[in-house]
Amino acid sequence: LPFCGPNRIKHFFCDLPPLLRLACADIYKSEVI
């Protein structure tokens, strides 16, 4: 997925939900899969 900013993860490790929220694209299909 494209990550083009912001790059601040509101969490203490790289986990699914906070990373998906940072993607700068439509993530609906990705979320479903």
PDB file of all heavy atoms in Angstrom:
ATOM      1  N   LEU A   1       0.843  -1.192   0.000  1.00  0.00           N
ATOM      2  CA  LEU A   1       0.000   0.000   0.000  1.00  0.00           C
ATOM      3  C   LEU A   1       0.884   1.250   0.000  1.00  0.00           C
ATOM      4  O   LEU A   1       2.004   1.221   0.510  1.00  0.00           O
ATOM      5  CB  LEU A   1      -0.907   0.015   1.244  1.00  0.00           C
ATOM      6  CG  LEU A   1      -2.047  -0.992   1.304  1.00  0.00           C
ATOM      7  CD1 LEU A   1      -2.675  -0.986   2.700  1.00  0.00           C
ATOM      8  CD2 LEU A   1      -3.109  -0.683   0.257  1.00  0.00           C
ATOM      9  N   PRO A   2       0.393   2.357  -0.566  1.00  0.00           N
ATOM     10  CA  PRO A   2       1.195   3.589  -0.537  1.00  0.00           C
ATOM     11  C   PRO A   2       1.123   4.256   0.837  1.00  0.00           C
ATOM     12  O   PRO A   2       0.042   4.486   1.374  1.00  0.00           O
ATOM     13  CB  PRO A   2       0.521   4.464  -1.609  1.00  0.00           C
ATOM     14  CG  PRO A   2      -0.887   3.980  -1.673  1.00  0.00           C
ATOM     15  CD  PRO A   2      -0.856   2.507  -1.341  1.00  0.00           C
ATOM     16  N   PHE A   3       2.289   4.532   1.424  1.00  0.00           N
ATOM     17  CA  PHE A   3       2.390   5.303   2.662  1.00  0.00           C
ATOM     18  C   PHE A   3       3.143   6.592   2.327  1.00  0.00           C
ATOM     19  O   PHE A   3       4.347   6.567   2.079  1.00  0.00           O
ATOM     20  CB  PHE A   3       3.140   4.507   3.738  1.00  0.00           C
ATOM     21  CG  PHE A   3       2.406   3.303   4.241  1.00  0.00           C
ATOM     22  CD1 PHE A   3       2.632   2.046   3.682  1.00  0.00           C
ATOM     23  CD2 PHE A   3       1.485   3.397   5.274  1.00  0.00           C
ATOM     24  CE1 PHE A   3       1.960   0.925   4.141  1.00  0.00           C
ATOM     25  CE2 PHE A   3       0.802   2.287   5.747  1.00  0.00           C
ATOM     26  CZ  PHE A   3       1.041   1.047   5.174  1.00  0.00           C
ATOM     27  N   CYS A   4       2.419   7.677   2.270  1.00  0.00           N
ATOM     28  CA  CYS A   4       3.032   8.930   1.823  1.00  0.00           C
ATOM     29  C   CYS A   4       2.926  10.036   2.873  1.00  0.00           C
ATOM     30  O   CYS A   4       3.102  11.210   2.584  1.00  0.00           O
ATOM     31  CB  CYS A   4       2.411   9.385   0.509  1.00  0.00           C
ATOM     32  SG  CYS A   4       0.613   9.306   0.475  1.00  0.00           S
ATOM     33  N   GLY A   5       2.596   9.655   4.088  1.00  0.00           N
ATOM     34  CA  GLY A   5       2.483  10.629   5.167  1.00  0.00           C
ATOM     35  C   GLY A   5       1.035  10.845   5.557  1.00  0.00           C
ATOM     36  O   GLY A   5       0.163  10.787   4.693  1.00  0.00           O
ATOM     37  N   PRO A   6       0.750  11.042   6.859  1.00  0.00           N
ATOM     38  CA  PRO A   6       1.695  11.088   7.979  1.00  0.00           C
ATOM     39  C   PRO A   6       2.315   9.715   8.266  1.00  0.00           C
ATOM     40  O   PRO A   6       1.812   8.692   7.790  1.00  0.00           O
ATOM     41  CB  PRO A   6       0.828  11.543   9.152  1.00  0.00           C
ATOM     42  CG  PRO A   6      -0.541  11.041   8.817  1.00  0.00           C
ATOM     43  CD  PRO A   6      -0.654  11.177   7.317  1.00  0.00           C
ATOM     44  N   ASN A   7       3.404   9.731   9.032  1.00  0.00           N
ATOM     45  CA  ASN A   7       4.119   8.481   9.312  1.00  0.00           C
ATOM     46  C   ASN A   7       4.193   8.160  10.805  1.00  0.00           C
ATOM     47  O   ASN A   7       5.018   7.362  11.230  1.00  0.00           O
ATOM     48  CB  ASN A   7       5.529   8.557   8.735  1.00  0.00           C
ATOM     49  CG  ASN A   7       6.393   9.596   9.445  1.00  0.00           C
ATOM     50  OD1 ASN A   7       5.872  10.543  10.033  1.00  0.00           O
ATOM     51  ND2 ASN A   7       7.702   9.436   9.374  1.00  0.00           N
ATOM     52  N   ARG A   8       3.326   8.786  11.583  1.00  0.00           N
ATOM     53  CA  ARG A   8       3.338   8.563  13.031  1.00  0.00           C
ATOM     54  C   ARG A   8       2.345   7.453  13.393  1.00  0.00           C
ATOM     55  O   ARG A   8       1.138   7.584  13.174  1.00  0.00           O
ATOM     56  CB  ARG A   8       3.002   9.849  13.791  1.00  0.00           C
ATOM     57  CG  ARG A   8       4.001  10.975  13.521  1.00  0.00           C
ATOM     58  CD  ARG A   8       3.691  12.215  14.353  1.00  0.00           C
ATOM     59  NE  ARG A   8       3.971  11.989  15.770  1.00  0.00           N
ATOM     60  CZ  ARG A   8       5.160  12.151  16.318  1.00  0.00           C
ATOM     61  NH1 ARG A   8       6.193  12.532  15.573  1.00  0.00           N
ATOM     62  NH2 ARG A   8       5.344  11.946  17.608  1.00  0.00           N
ATOM     63  N   ILE A   9       2.874   6.353  13.938  1.00  0.00           N
ATOM     64  CA  ILE A   9       2.044   5.220  14.343  1.00  0.00           C
ATOM     65  C   ILE A   9       1.539   5.454  15.766  1.00  0.00           C
ATOM     66  O   ILE A   9       2.329   5.597  16.698  1.00  0.00           O
ATOM     67  CB  ILE A   9       2.845   3.901  14.291  1.00  0.00           C
ATOM     68  CG1 ILE A   9       3.328   3.628  12.873  1.00  0.00           C
ATOM     69  CG2 ILE A   9       2.008   2.732  14.798  1.00  0.00           C
ATOM     70  CD1 ILE A   9       4.225   2.401  12.746  1.00  0.00           C
ATOM     71  N   LYS A  10       0.232   5.504  15.923  1.00  0.00           N
ATOM     72  CA  LYS A  10      -0.358   5.717  17.252  1.00  0.00           C
ATOM     73  C   LYS A  10      -0.474   4.387  17.992  1.00  0.00           C
ATOM     74  O   LYS A  10      -1.568   3.910  18.306  1.00  0.00           O
ATOM     75  CB  LYS A  10      -1.721   6.401  17.114  1.00  0.00           C
ATOM     76  CG  LYS A  10      -1.629   7.798  16.519  1.00  0.00           C
ATOM     77  CD  LYS A  10      -2.988   8.463  16.401  1.00  0.00           C
ATOM     78  CE  LYS A  10      -2.859   9.864  15.838  1.00  0.00           C
ATOM     79  NZ  LYS A  10      -4.173  10.533  15.693  1.00  0.00           N
ATOM     80  N   HIS A  11       0.695   3.811  18.240  1.00  0.00           N
ATOM     81  CA  HIS A  11       0.768   2.495  18.869  1.00  0.00           C
ATOM     82  C   HIS A  11       2.210   2.277  19.288  1.00  0.00           C
ATOM     83  O   HIS A  11       3.085   3.072  18.931  1.00  0.00           O
ATOM     84  CB  HIS A  11       0.330   1.428  17.870  1.00  0.00           C
ATOM     85  CG  HIS A  11      -0.261   0.197  18.510  1.00  0.00           C
ATOM     86  ND1 HIS A  11      -0.944   0.216  19.702  1.00  0.00           N
ATOM     87  CD2 HIS A  11      -0.270  -1.104  18.112  1.00  0.00           C
ATOM     88  CE1 HIS A  11      -1.347  -1.000  19.998  1.00  0.00           C
ATOM     89  NE2 HIS A  11      -0.941  -1.820  19.039  1.00  0.00           N
ATOM     90  N   PHE A  12       2.494   1.172  20.030  1.00  0.00           N
ATOM     91  CA  PHE A  12       3.874   0.957  20.452  1.00  0.00           C
ATOM     92  C   PHE A  12       4.576  -0.135  19.638  1.00  0.00           C
ATOM     93  O   PHE A  12       5.713  -0.481  19.920  1.00  0.00           O
ATOM     94  CB  PHE A  12       3.960   0.639  21.957  1.00  0.00           C
ATOM     95  CG  PHE A  12       3.113  -0.523  22.412  1.00  0.00           C
ATOM     96  CD1 PHE A  12       3.588  -1.816  22.321  1.00  0.00           C
ATOM     97  CD2 PHE A  12       1.849  -0.315  22.946  1.00  0.00           C
ATOM     98  CE1 PHE A  12       2.829  -2.893  22.741  1.00  0.00           C
ATOM     99  CE2 PHE A  12       1.074  -1.383  23.376  1.00  0.00           C
ATOM    100  CZ  PHE A  12       1.556  -2.672  23.275  1.00  0.00           C
ATOM    101  N   PHE A  13       3.895  -0.684  18.623  1.00  0.00           N
ATOM    102  CA  PHE A  13       4.555  -1.576  17.677  1.00  0.00           C
ATOM    103  C   PHE A  13       3.784  -1.575  16.362  1.00  0.00           C
ATOM    104  O   PHE A  13       2.692  -1.008  16.267  1.00  0.00           O
ATOM    105  CB  PHE A  13       4.698  -2.997  18.241  1.00  0.00           C
ATOM    106  CG  PHE A  13       3.403  -3.770  18.359  1.00  0.00           C
ATOM    107  CD1 PHE A  13       3.026  -4.676  17.389  1.00  0.00           C
ATOM    108  CD2 PHE A  13       2.579  -3.614  19.477  1.00  0.00           C
ATOM    109  CE1 PHE A  13       1.851  -5.409  17.512  1.00  0.00           C
ATOM    110  CE2 PHE A  13       1.406  -4.345  19.605  1.00  0.00           C
ATOM    111  CZ  PHE A  13       1.038  -5.241  18.618  1.00  0.00           C
ATOM    112  N   CYS A  14       4.371  -2.184  15.335  1.00  0.00           N
ATOM    113  CA  CYS A  14       3.755  -2.193  14.003  1.00  0.00           C
ATOM    114  C   CYS A  14       2.674  -3.265  13.948  1.00  0.00           C
ATOM    115  O   CYS A  14       2.973  -4.448  13.747  1.00  0.00           O
ATOM    116  CB  CYS A  14       4.822  -2.447  12.942  1.00  0.00           C
ATOM    117  SG  CYS A  14       6.039  -1.131  12.802  1.00  0.00           S
ATOM    118  N   ASP A  15       1.444  -2.846  14.125  1.00  0.00           N
ATOM    119  CA  ASP A  15       0.311  -3.763  14.142  1.00  0.00           C
ATOM    120  C   ASP A  15      -0.643  -3.410  13.003  1.00  0.00           C
ATOM    121  O   ASP A  15      -0.585  -2.307  12.440  1.00  0.00           O
ATOM    122  CB  ASP A  15      -0.401  -3.676  15.497  1.00  0.00           C
ATOM    123  CG  ASP A  15      -1.250  -4.906  15.784  1.00  0.00           C
ATOM    124  OD1 ASP A  15      -1.139  -5.895  15.047  1.00  0.00           O
ATOM    125  OD2 ASP A  15      -2.011  -4.880  16.766  1.00  0.00           O
ATOM    126  N   LEU A  16      -1.535  -4.339  12.676  1.00  0.00           N
ATOM    127  CA  LEU A  16      -2.431  -4.169  11.535  1.00  0.00           C
ATOM    128  C   LEU A  16      -3.271  -2.881  11.565  1.00  0.00           C
ATOM    129  O   LEU A  16      -3.170  -2.065  10.647  1.00  0.00           O
ATOM    130  CB  LEU A  16      -3.363  -5.384  11.423  1.00  0.00           C
ATOM    131  CG  LEU A  16      -2.802  -6.673  10.836  1.00  0.00           C
ATOM    132  CD1 LEU A  16      -3.792  -7.807  11.046  1.00  0.00           C
ATOM    133  CD2 LEU A  16      -2.525  -6.503   9.359  1.00  0.00           C
ATOM    134  N   PRO A  17      -4.128  -2.677  12.594  1.00  0.00           N
ATOM    135  CA  PRO A  17      -5.042  -1.536  12.548  1.00  0.00           C
ATOM    136  C   PRO A  17      -4.354  -0.175  12.427  1.00  0.00           C
ATOM    137  O   PRO A  17      -4.738   0.627  11.556  1.00  0.00           O
ATOM    138  CB  PRO A  17      -5.835  -1.675  13.865  1.00  0.00           C
ATOM    139  CG  PRO A  17      -5.745  -3.122  14.208  1.00  0.00           C
ATOM    140  CD  PRO A  17      -4.382  -3.538  13.771  1.00  0.00           C
ATOM    141  N   PRO A  18      -3.336   0.152  13.253  1.00  0.00           N
ATOM    142  CA  PRO A  18      -2.720   1.469  13.134  1.00  0.00           C
ATOM    143  C   PRO A  18      -1.988   1.675  11.807  1.00  0.00           C
ATOM    144  O   PRO A  18      -1.946   2.801  11.288  1.00  0.00           O
ATOM    145  CB  PRO A  18      -1.742   1.526  14.313  1.00  0.00           C
ATOM    146  CG  PRO A  18      -1.527   0.130  14.729  1.00  0.00           C
ATOM    147  CD  PRO A  18      -2.767  -0.601  14.401  1.00  0.00           C
ATOM    148  N   LEU A  19      -1.428   0.609  11.225  1.00  0.00           N
ATOM    149  CA  LEU A  19      -0.744   0.750   9.942  1.00  0.00           C
ATOM    150  C   LEU A  19      -1.732   0.989   8.808  1.00  0.00           C
ATOM    151  O   LEU A  19      -1.484   1.812   7.919  1.00  0.00           O
ATOM    152  CB  LEU A  19       0.088  -0.506   9.653  1.00  0.00           C
ATOM    153  CG  LEU A  19       1.455  -0.569  10.332  1.00  0.00           C
ATOM    154  CD1 LEU A  19       2.072  -1.945  10.163  1.00  0.00           C
ATOM    155  CD2 LEU A  19       2.394   0.500   9.783  1.00  0.00           C
ATOM    156  N   LEU A  20      -2.847   0.281   8.835  1.00  0.00           N
ATOM    157  CA  LEU A  20      -3.869   0.493   7.799  1.00  0.00           C
ATOM    158  C   LEU A  20      -4.389   1.925   7.807  1.00  0.00           C
ATOM    159  O   LEU A  20      -4.692   2.490   6.751  1.00  0.00           O
ATOM    160  CB  LEU A  20      -5.028  -0.491   7.996  1.00  0.00           C
ATOM    161  CG  LEU A  20      -4.795  -1.927   7.532  1.00  0.00           C
ATOM    162  CD1 LEU A  20      -5.924  -2.828   7.993  1.00  0.00           C
ATOM    163  CD2 LEU A  20      -4.660  -1.993   6.013  1.00  0.00           C
ATOM    164  N   ARG A  21      -4.465   2.519   8.993  1.00  0.00           N
ATOM    165  CA  ARG A  21      -4.966   3.890   9.092  1.00  0.00           C
ATOM    166  C   ARG A  21      -4.003   4.908   8.479  1.00  0.00           C
ATOM    167  O   ARG A  21      -4.402   6.034   8.187  1.00  0.00           O
ATOM    168  CB  ARG A  21      -5.237   4.245  10.558  1.00  0.00           C
ATOM    169  CG  ARG A  21      -6.482   3.569  11.131  1.00  0.00           C
ATOM    170  CD  ARG A  21      -6.925   4.201  12.437  1.00  0.00           C
ATOM    171  NE  ARG A  21      -6.116   3.784  13.559  1.00  0.00           N
ATOM    172  CZ  ARG A  21      -6.403   2.758  14.347  1.00  0.00           C
ATOM    173  NH1 ARG A  21      -7.492   2.038  14.132  1.00  0.00           N
ATOM    174  NH2 ARG A  21      -5.617   2.438  15.362  1.00  0.00           N
ATOM    175  N   LEU A  22      -2.742   4.534   8.287  1.00  0.00           N
ATOM    176  CA  LEU A  22      -1.752   5.454   7.727  1.00  0.00           C
ATOM    177  C   LEU A  22      -1.661   5.386   6.204  1.00  0.00           C
ATOM    178  O   LEU A  22      -1.026   6.246   5.591  1.00  0.00           O
ATOM    179  CB  LEU A  22      -0.360   5.161   8.320  1.00  0.00           C
ATOM    180  CG  LEU A  22      -0.168   5.437   9.809  1.00  0.00           C
ATOM    181  CD1 LEU A  22       1.258   5.103  10.221  1.00  0.00           C
ATOM    182  CD2 LEU A  22      -0.475   6.891  10.147  1.00  0.00           C
ATOM    183  N   ALA A  23      -2.243   4.372   5.598  1.00  0.00           N
ATOM    184  CA  ALA A  23      -2.154   4.222   4.140  1.00  0.00           C
ATOM    185  C   ALA A  23      -2.916   5.349   3.447  1.00  0.00           C
ATOM    186  O   ALA A  23      -4.034   5.691   3.839  1.00  0.00           O
ATOM    187  CB  ALA A  23      -2.717   2.868   3.726  1.00  0.00           C
ATOM    188  N   CYS A  24      -2.298   5.945   2.427  1.00  0.00           N
ATOM    189  CA  CYS A  24      -2.948   7.048   1.718  1.00  0.00           C
ATOM    190  C   CYS A  24      -3.576   6.532   0.423  1.00  0.00           C
ATOM    191  O   CYS A  24      -3.193   6.917  -0.687  1.00  0.00           O
ATOM    192  CB  CYS A  24      -1.967   8.187   1.452  1.00  0.00           C
ATOM    193  SG  CYS A  24      -0.402   7.670   0.734  1.00  0.00           S
ATOM    194  N   ALA A  25      -4.496   5.587   0.586  1.00  0.00           N
ATOM    195  CA  ALA A  25      -5.216   5.002  -0.542  1.00  0.00           C
ATOM    196  C   ALA A  25      -6.500   4.386  -0.010  1.00  0.00           C
ATOM    197  O   ALA A  25      -6.692   4.267   1.203  1.00  0.00           O
ATOM    198  CB  ALA A  25      -4.356   3.947  -1.230  1.00  0.00           C
ATOM    199  N   ASP A  26      -7.377   4.000  -0.926  1.00  0.00           N
ATOM    200  CA  ASP A  26      -8.601   3.306  -0.532  1.00  0.00           C
ATOM    201  C   ASP A  26      -8.228   1.903  -0.062  1.00  0.00           C
ATOM    202  O   ASP A  26      -7.684   1.099  -0.837  1.00  0.00           O
ATOM    203  CB  ASP A  26      -9.554   3.233  -1.727  1.00  0.00           C
ATOM    204  CG  ASP A  26     -10.893   2.589  -1.355  1.00  0.00           C
ATOM    205  OD1 ASP A  26     -11.096   2.290  -0.156  1.00  0.00           O
ATOM    206  OD2 ASP A  26     -11.718   2.387  -2.257  1.00  0.00           O
ATOM    207  N   ILE A  27      -8.494   1.624   1.200  1.00  0.00           N
ATOM    208  CA  ILE A  27      -8.034   0.351   1.774  1.00  0.00           C
ATOM    209  C   ILE A  27      -9.177  -0.645   1.980  1.00  0.00           C
ATOM    210  O   ILE A  27      -8.979  -1.678   2.608  1.00  0.00           O
ATOM    211  CB  ILE A  27      -7.312   0.585   3.123  1.00  0.00           C
ATOM    212  CG1 ILE A  27      -8.273   1.242   4.132  1.00  0.00           C
ATOM    213  CG2 ILE A  27      -6.053   1.406   2.943  1.00  0.00           C
ATOM    214  CD1 ILE A  27      -7.741   1.264   5.552  1.00  0.00           C
ATOM    215  N   TYR A  28     -10.363  -0.356   1.433  1.00  0.00           N
ATOM    216  CA  TYR A  28     -11.516  -1.215   1.704  1.00  0.00           C
ATOM    217  C   TYR A  28     -11.265  -2.662   1.277  1.00  0.00           C
ATOM    218  O   TYR A  28     -11.446  -3.598   2.068  1.00  0.00           O
ATOM    219  CB  TYR A  28     -12.761  -0.682   0.993  1.00  0.00           C
ATOM    220  CG  TYR A  28     -13.962  -1.591   1.154  1.00  0.00           C
ATOM    221  CD1 TYR A  28     -14.647  -1.660   2.372  1.00  0.00           C
ATOM    222  CD2 TYR A  28     -14.396  -2.410   0.096  1.00  0.00           C
ATOM    223  CE1 TYR A  28     -15.734  -2.516   2.534  1.00  0.00           C
ATOM    224  CE2 TYR A  28     -15.471  -3.263   0.252  1.00  0.00           C
ATOM    225  CZ  TYR A  28     -16.134  -3.315   1.465  1.00  0.00           C
ATOM    226  OH  TYR A  28     -17.209  -4.156   1.618  1.00  0.00           O
ATOM    227  N   LYS A  29     -10.820  -2.863   0.023  1.00  0.00           N
ATOM    228  CA  LYS A  29     -10.587  -4.223  -0.475  1.00  0.00           C
ATOM    229  C   LYS A  29      -9.464  -4.900   0.315  1.00  0.00           C
ATOM    230  O   LYS A  29      -9.548  -6.093   0.633  1.00  0.00           O
ATOM    231  CB  LYS A  29     -10.243  -4.189  -1.961  1.00  0.00           C
ATOM    232  CG  LYS A  29     -11.417  -3.831  -2.855  1.00  0.00           C
ATOM    233  CD  LYS A  29     -11.022  -3.865  -4.320  1.00  0.00           C
ATOM    234  CE  LYS A  29     -12.210  -3.498  -5.216  1.00  0.00           C
ATOM    235  NZ  LYS A  29     -11.823  -3.474  -6.661  1.00  0.00           N
ATOM    236  N   SER A  30      -8.431  -4.121   0.610  1.00  0.00           N
ATOM    237  CA  SER A  30      -7.309  -4.678   1.391  1.00  0.00           C
ATOM    238  C   SER A  30      -7.776  -5.108   2.774  1.00  0.00           C
ATOM    239  O   SER A  30      -7.391  -6.177   3.267  1.00  0.00           O
ATOM    240  CB  SER A  30      -6.195  -3.628   1.528  1.00  0.00           C
ATOM    241  OG  SER A  30      -5.706  -3.248   0.263  1.00  0.00           O
ATOM    242  N   GLU A  31      -8.608  -4.282   3.406  1.00  0.00           N
ATOM    243  CA  GLU A  31      -9.131  -4.618   4.736  1.00  0.00           C
ATOM    244  C   GLU A  31      -9.945  -5.902   4.698  1.00  0.00           C
ATOM    245  O   GLU A  31      -9.818  -6.752   5.588  1.00  0.00           O
ATOM    246  CB  GLU A  31      -9.996  -3.469   5.267  1.00  0.00           C
ATOM    247  CG  GLU A  31      -9.236  -2.381   5.956  1.00  0.00           C
ATOM    248  CD  GLU A  31     -10.177  -1.428   6.682  1.00  0.00           C
ATOM    249  OE1 GLU A  31     -11.117  -0.951   6.026  1.00  0.00           O
ATOM    250  OE2 GLU A  31      -9.968  -1.148   7.874  1.00  0.00           O
ATOM    251  N   VAL A  32     -10.786  -6.045   3.659  1.00  0.00           N
ATOM    252  CA  VAL A  32     -11.636  -7.238   3.543  1.00  0.00           C
ATOM    253  C   VAL A  32     -10.768  -8.493   3.462  1.00  0.00           C
ATOM    254  O   VAL A  32     -10.997  -9.482   4.173  1.00  0.00           O
ATOM    255  CB  VAL A  32     -12.560  -7.145   2.310  1.00  0.00           C
ATOM    256  CG1 VAL A  32     -13.252  -8.490   2.055  1.00  0.00           C
ATOM    257  CG2 VAL A  32     -13.606  -6.051   2.507  1.00  0.00           C
ATOM    258  N   ILE A  33      -9.741  -8.465   2.608  1.00  0.00           N
ATOM    259  CA  ILE A  33      -8.865  -9.629   2.442  1.00  0.00           C
ATOM    260  C   ILE A  33      -8.096  -9.916   3.729  1.00  0.00           C
ATOM    261  O   ILE A  33      -8.035 -11.057   4.202  1.00  0.00           O
ATOM    262  CB  ILE A  33      -7.880  -9.411   1.272  1.00  0.00           C
ATOM    263  CG1 ILE A  33      -8.642  -9.279  -0.044  1.00  0.00           C
ATOM    264  CG2 ILE A  33      -6.877 -10.570   1.193  1.00  0.00           C
ATOM    265  CD1 ILE A  33      -7.785  -8.816  -1.211  1.00  0.00           C
TER     266      ILE A  33
END
